[in-house]
């Protein structure tokens, strides 16, 4: 593998929580342009791995090496908001453009930024909710808002933890189509239980159940009339050495 394409590398990563061993000896490389699906059972360590990747947690042993210029966009699984927090969905999306030196002032955004935010708001079918308070939205709508915010931040890599878990099938597919388009210039890592919808989108899969196993996804047409493919079929795809 071309070393210049490597953006994150996990080397012998272990993670403990008190006496519980959550992740064992994770060796995994993410390269520029990858589209990874992280799958596995509940409690297997998927969300923990995502938090390790974005530096919210530190490995108990081993190391995670990141490209020094890497910009990470992260959409967590839980999207709890104070219902009384005075910010609209559109304002949350626009926060993707902020950096440490920016102020929370809608008038400080450029026309280009506003146009980009409106583009993602439209693509994610949020136009009718844009001026509503974020705390008034359903969990699924909040997830779509956070995805739009992450896209506005112009990340090199997007890491999304169950972003479609509270979203209906139509909007799930819309989100995956948007991610597929963004995969042309961004690396995508997504945790999901929805194996079937990832066919035709993700290029490889990381199966996480304390330890990790890397698989190439079989090339199956994504338009399968809504048929569901089981995880066993996926695991019959080629495994990396």
Protein backbone atom coordinates (compact mmCIF):
# COMPACT_ATOMS: atom_id res chain seq x y z
CA UNK A 1 0.00 0.00 0.00
CA UNK A 2 1.31 3.47 -0.91
CA UNK A 3 2.52 5.09 2.33
CA UNK A 4 1.55 8.52 1.00
CA UNK A 5 -2.13 7.48 0.96
CA UNK A 6 -2.13 6.39 4.62
CA UNK A 7 -4.04 8.84 6.84
CA UNK A 8 -4.74 6.81 10.02
CA UNK A 9 -2.99 3.69 11.26
CA UNK A 10 -3.91 1.63 14.32
CA UNK A 11 -0.95 -0.37 15.59
CA UNK A 12 -1.58 -3.05 18.24
CA UNK A 13 -4.32 -0.93 19.82
CA UNK A 14 -5.94 -2.20 23.02
CA UNK A 15 -8.56 -0.45 25.10
CA UNK A 16 -9.63 -1.30 28.66
CA UNK A 17 -12.50 0.13 30.66
CA UNK A 18 -11.81 -0.57 34.32
CA UNK A 19 -11.21 -4.36 34.22
CA UNK A 20 -13.08 -4.97 30.97
CA UNK A 21 -11.05 -5.46 27.80
CA UNK A 22 -13.09 -3.65 25.10
CA UNK A 23 -10.74 -3.93 22.11
CA UNK A 24 -7.91 -6.38 21.48
CA UNK A 25 -4.84 -5.82 19.35
CA UNK A 26 -6.41 -3.69 16.60
CA UNK A 27 -4.20 -3.38 13.53
CA UNK A 28 -5.91 -1.40 10.78
CA UNK A 29 -4.97 1.21 8.20
CA UNK A 30 -7.26 3.84 6.68
CA UNK A 31 -6.11 5.23 3.36
CA UNK A 32 -7.13 8.34 1.46
CA UNK A 33 -10.28 7.64 -0.58
CA UNK A 34 -11.40 4.61 1.45
CA UNK A 35 -15.07 3.99 2.25
CA UNK A 36 -15.22 1.68 5.28
CA UNK A 37 -18.27 0.07 6.84
CA UNK A 38 -17.69 -0.86 10.49
CA UNK A 39 -20.05 -3.62 11.53
CA UNK A 40 -20.43 -6.09 14.37
CA UNK A 41 -22.60 -6.94 17.39
CA UNK A 42 -23.74 -4.52 20.07
CA UNK A 43 -21.07 -4.21 22.73
CA UNK A 44 -18.35 -5.33 20.33
CA UNK A 45 -16.43 -2.05 20.56
CA UNK A 46 -17.50 -0.22 17.36
CA UNK A 47 -18.31 3.13 18.98
CA UNK A 48 -15.23 2.87 21.19
CA UNK A 49 -13.10 2.44 18.08
CA UNK A 50 -14.70 5.52 16.48
CA UNK A 51 -13.93 7.60 19.59
CA UNK A 52 -10.34 6.36 19.53
CA UNK A 53 -10.03 7.40 15.88
CA UNK A 54 -11.20 10.95 16.60
CA UNK A 55 -9.04 11.20 19.74
CA UNK A 56 -11.93 11.37 22.23
CA UNK A 57 -10.41 8.30 23.89
CA UNK A 58 -6.78 7.23 24.20
CA UNK A 59 -5.57 3.65 23.65
CA UNK A 60 -4.72 1.72 26.80
CA UNK A 61 -1.77 0.37 24.83
CA UNK A 62 -0.57 0.53 21.25
CA UNK A 63 -0.82 3.68 19.16
CA UNK A 64 -2.93 5.46 16.58
CA UNK A 65 -0.92 7.42 14.04
CA UNK A 66 -2.71 10.19 12.16
CA UNK A 67 -1.58 12.38 9.30
CA UNK A 68 -0.50 15.62 10.99
CA UNK A 69 -2.68 17.75 8.68
CA UNK A 70 -5.73 15.47 8.85
CA UNK A 71 -9.07 17.21 9.39
CA UNK A 72 -11.70 14.87 10.86
CA UNK A 73 -15.47 15.32 10.72
CA UNK A 74 -17.31 13.27 13.36
CA UNK A 75 -21.02 12.52 13.73
CA UNK A 76 -21.66 10.72 17.05
CA UNK A 77 -24.41 8.19 17.68
CA UNK A 78 -26.19 10.22 20.37
CA UNK A 79 -27.60 13.60 19.39
CA UNK A 80 -29.06 14.97 22.62
CA UNK A 81 -29.80 18.69 22.70
CA UNK A 82 -31.25 20.95 25.33
CA UNK A 83 -34.75 21.65 24.01
CA UNK A 84 -34.42 25.24 25.24
CA UNK A 85 -31.04 25.92 23.63
CA UNK A 86 -31.69 28.95 21.37
CA UNK A 87 -30.15 27.76 18.11
CA UNK A 88 -31.85 26.72 14.89
CA UNK A 89 -31.08 23.71 12.72
CA UNK A 90 -29.56 25.99 10.08
CA UNK A 91 -27.34 27.68 12.66
CA UNK A 92 -26.06 24.27 13.76
CA UNK A 93 -25.28 23.37 10.13
CA UNK A 94 -23.43 26.67 9.68
CA UNK A 95 -21.28 25.92 12.73
CA UNK A 96 -19.42 23.48 10.51
CA UNK A 97 -17.59 26.48 9.04
CA UNK A 98 -16.39 27.76 12.40
CA UNK A 99 -12.88 27.39 13.69
CA UNK A 100 -11.40 28.28 17.05
CA UNK A 101 -11.06 31.92 16.04
CA UNK A 102 -14.62 32.31 14.75
CA UNK A 103 -17.62 33.81 16.52
CA UNK A 104 -21.14 32.41 16.58
CA UNK A 105 -22.46 35.16 14.35
CA UNK A 106 -24.59 34.24 11.34
CA UNK A 107 -23.65 37.53 9.67
CA UNK A 108 -19.95 36.60 9.65
CA UNK A 109 -20.42 33.77 7.15
CA UNK A 110 -19.58 34.35 3.50
CA UNK A 111 -22.07 33.95 0.67
CA UNK A 112 -20.15 30.89 -0.51
CA UNK A 113 -20.50 29.29 2.94
CA UNK A 114 -24.20 30.10 3.13
CA UNK A 115 -24.75 28.64 -0.35
CA UNK A 116 -22.86 25.47 0.64
CA UNK A 117 -24.92 25.09 3.82
CA UNK A 118 -28.15 25.59 1.88
CA UNK A 119 -26.99 22.93 -0.61
CA UNK A 120 -26.56 20.32 2.13
CA UNK A 121 -29.79 21.39 3.84
CA UNK A 122 -31.63 20.80 0.56
CA UNK A 123 -29.87 17.50 -0.20
CA UNK A 124 -30.70 16.18 3.26
CA UNK A 125 -34.33 17.31 2.96
CA UNK A 126 -34.08 19.76 5.86
CA UNK A 127 -35.47 22.89 4.20
CA UNK A 128 -38.79 22.79 6.05
CA UNK A 129 -36.96 22.37 9.38
CA UNK A 130 -34.07 24.81 8.88
CA UNK A 131 -35.52 27.57 11.09
CA UNK A 132 -36.77 25.30 13.85
CA UNK A 133 -34.95 25.06 17.17
CA UNK A 134 -32.61 22.07 17.15
CA UNK A 135 -34.09 20.77 20.43
CA UNK A 136 -37.53 20.53 18.83
CA UNK A 137 -36.42 18.12 16.11
CA UNK A 138 -36.68 14.34 16.20
CA UNK A 139 -33.57 12.22 16.64
CA UNK A 140 -33.50 11.38 12.93
CA UNK A 141 -33.73 15.04 11.91
CA UNK A 142 -30.98 15.98 14.35
CA UNK A 143 -28.75 13.30 12.83
CA UNK A 144 -29.28 14.79 9.37
CA UNK A 145 -28.46 18.25 10.72
CA UNK A 146 -25.21 16.97 12.22
CA UNK A 147 -24.27 15.24 8.97
CA UNK A 148 -24.79 18.55 7.12
CA UNK A 149 -22.68 20.34 9.73
CA UNK A 150 -19.89 17.78 9.37
CA UNK A 151 -19.91 18.16 5.57
CA UNK A 152 -19.67 21.95 5.91
CA UNK A 153 -16.46 21.56 7.94
CA UNK A 154 -14.65 20.31 4.79
CA UNK A 155 -13.11 17.27 6.50
CA UNK A 156 -10.55 14.99 4.90
CA UNK A 157 -12.28 12.06 6.60
CA UNK A 158 -15.85 11.67 7.85
CA UNK A 159 -16.43 9.26 10.74
CA UNK A 160 -20.12 8.57 11.38
CA UNK A 161 -21.47 6.41 14.20
CA UNK A 162 -24.88 4.91 13.28
CA UNK A 163 -25.97 8.07 11.41
CA UNK A 164 -29.11 6.46 9.98
CA UNK A 165 -30.33 4.51 13.01
CA UNK A 166 -33.33 6.84 13.55
CA UNK A 167 -33.95 7.64 9.90
CA UNK A 168 -36.49 6.16 7.49
CA UNK A 169 -35.37 4.05 4.51
CA UNK A 170 -35.77 6.83 1.94
CA UNK A 171 -33.59 9.27 3.83
CA UNK A 172 -31.11 6.50 4.65
CA UNK A 173 -30.51 5.96 0.96
CA UNK A 174 -30.32 9.72 0.35
CA UNK A 175 -27.60 9.98 2.99
CA UNK A 176 -25.59 7.11 1.52
CA UNK A 177 -25.84 8.67 -1.94
CA UNK A 178 -24.50 11.96 -0.52
CA UNK A 179 -21.66 10.12 1.20
CA UNK A 180 -20.87 8.25 -2.02
CA UNK A 181 -20.58 11.56 -3.88
CA UNK A 182 -18.38 12.99 -1.13
CA UNK A 183 -16.19 9.89 -1.22
CA UNK A 184 -14.74 11.27 -4.47
CA UNK A 185 -12.61 13.65 -2.38
CA UNK A 186 -13.17 12.48 1.21
CA UNK A 187 -12.51 9.30 3.12
CA UNK A 188 -15.61 7.80 4.74
CA UNK A 189 -15.83 5.56 7.81
CA UNK A 190 -19.33 4.62 8.91
CA UNK A 191 -20.63 2.40 11.69
CA UNK A 192 -23.91 0.75 10.74
CA UNK A 193 -26.10 -2.26 11.44
CA UNK A 194 -27.72 -1.81 8.04
CA UNK A 195 -25.55 -4.18 5.99
CA UNK A 196 -27.73 -4.31 2.87
CA UNK A 197 -27.78 -0.58 2.18
CA UNK A 198 -23.98 -0.43 2.28
CA UNK A 199 -23.66 -2.71 -0.75
CA UNK A 200 -22.61 -0.52 -3.64
CA UNK A 201 -21.39 2.20 -1.26
CA UNK A 202 -18.69 0.91 1.10
CA UNK A 203 -15.57 -0.58 -0.45
CA UNK A 204 -14.39 -2.58 2.56
CA UNK A 205 -15.78 -3.73 5.91
CA UNK A 206 -14.23 -3.93 9.34
CA UNK A 207 -15.97 -6.50 11.54
CA UNK A 208 -15.51 -5.50 15.18
CA UNK A 209 -16.18 -7.86 18.06
CA UNK A 210 -13.45 -7.09 20.60
CA UNK A 211 -10.99 -8.03 17.85
CA UNK A 212 -11.20 -6.84 14.23
CA UNK A 213 -11.40 -8.67 10.91
CA UNK A 214 -11.00 -6.87 7.59
CA UNK A 215 -13.05 -7.88 4.53
CA UNK A 216 -13.45 -6.70 0.99
CA UNK A 217 -17.11 -6.27 0.23
CA UNK A 218 -18.48 -8.42 -2.59
CA UNK A 219 -19.47 -6.38 -5.63
CA UNK A 220 -23.26 -6.54 -5.48
CA UNK A 221 -25.49 -4.07 -7.26
CA UNK A 222 -26.96 -1.64 -4.70
CA UNK A 223 -30.33 -1.60 -6.52
CA UNK A 224 -31.72 -4.92 -5.34
CA UNK A 225 -35.41 -4.00 -5.04
CA UNK A 226 -35.11 -3.60 -1.29
CA UNK A 227 -33.83 -7.13 -0.70
CA UNK A 228 -31.84 -7.68 2.46
CA UNK A 229 -28.46 -9.43 2.41
CA UNK A 230 -27.34 -11.25 5.51
CA UNK A 231 -24.08 -10.64 7.29
CA UNK A 232 -22.89 -14.17 6.54
CA UNK A 233 -23.05 -13.46 2.80
CA UNK A 234 -20.97 -10.36 3.32
CA UNK A 235 -18.36 -12.30 5.26
CA UNK A 236 -17.97 -14.68 2.34
CA UNK A 237 -16.32 -11.80 0.47
CA UNK A 238 -12.54 -11.76 0.20
CA UNK A 239 -10.67 -11.37 3.49
CA UNK A 240 -7.44 -9.41 3.66
CA UNK A 241 -4.28 -11.24 4.57
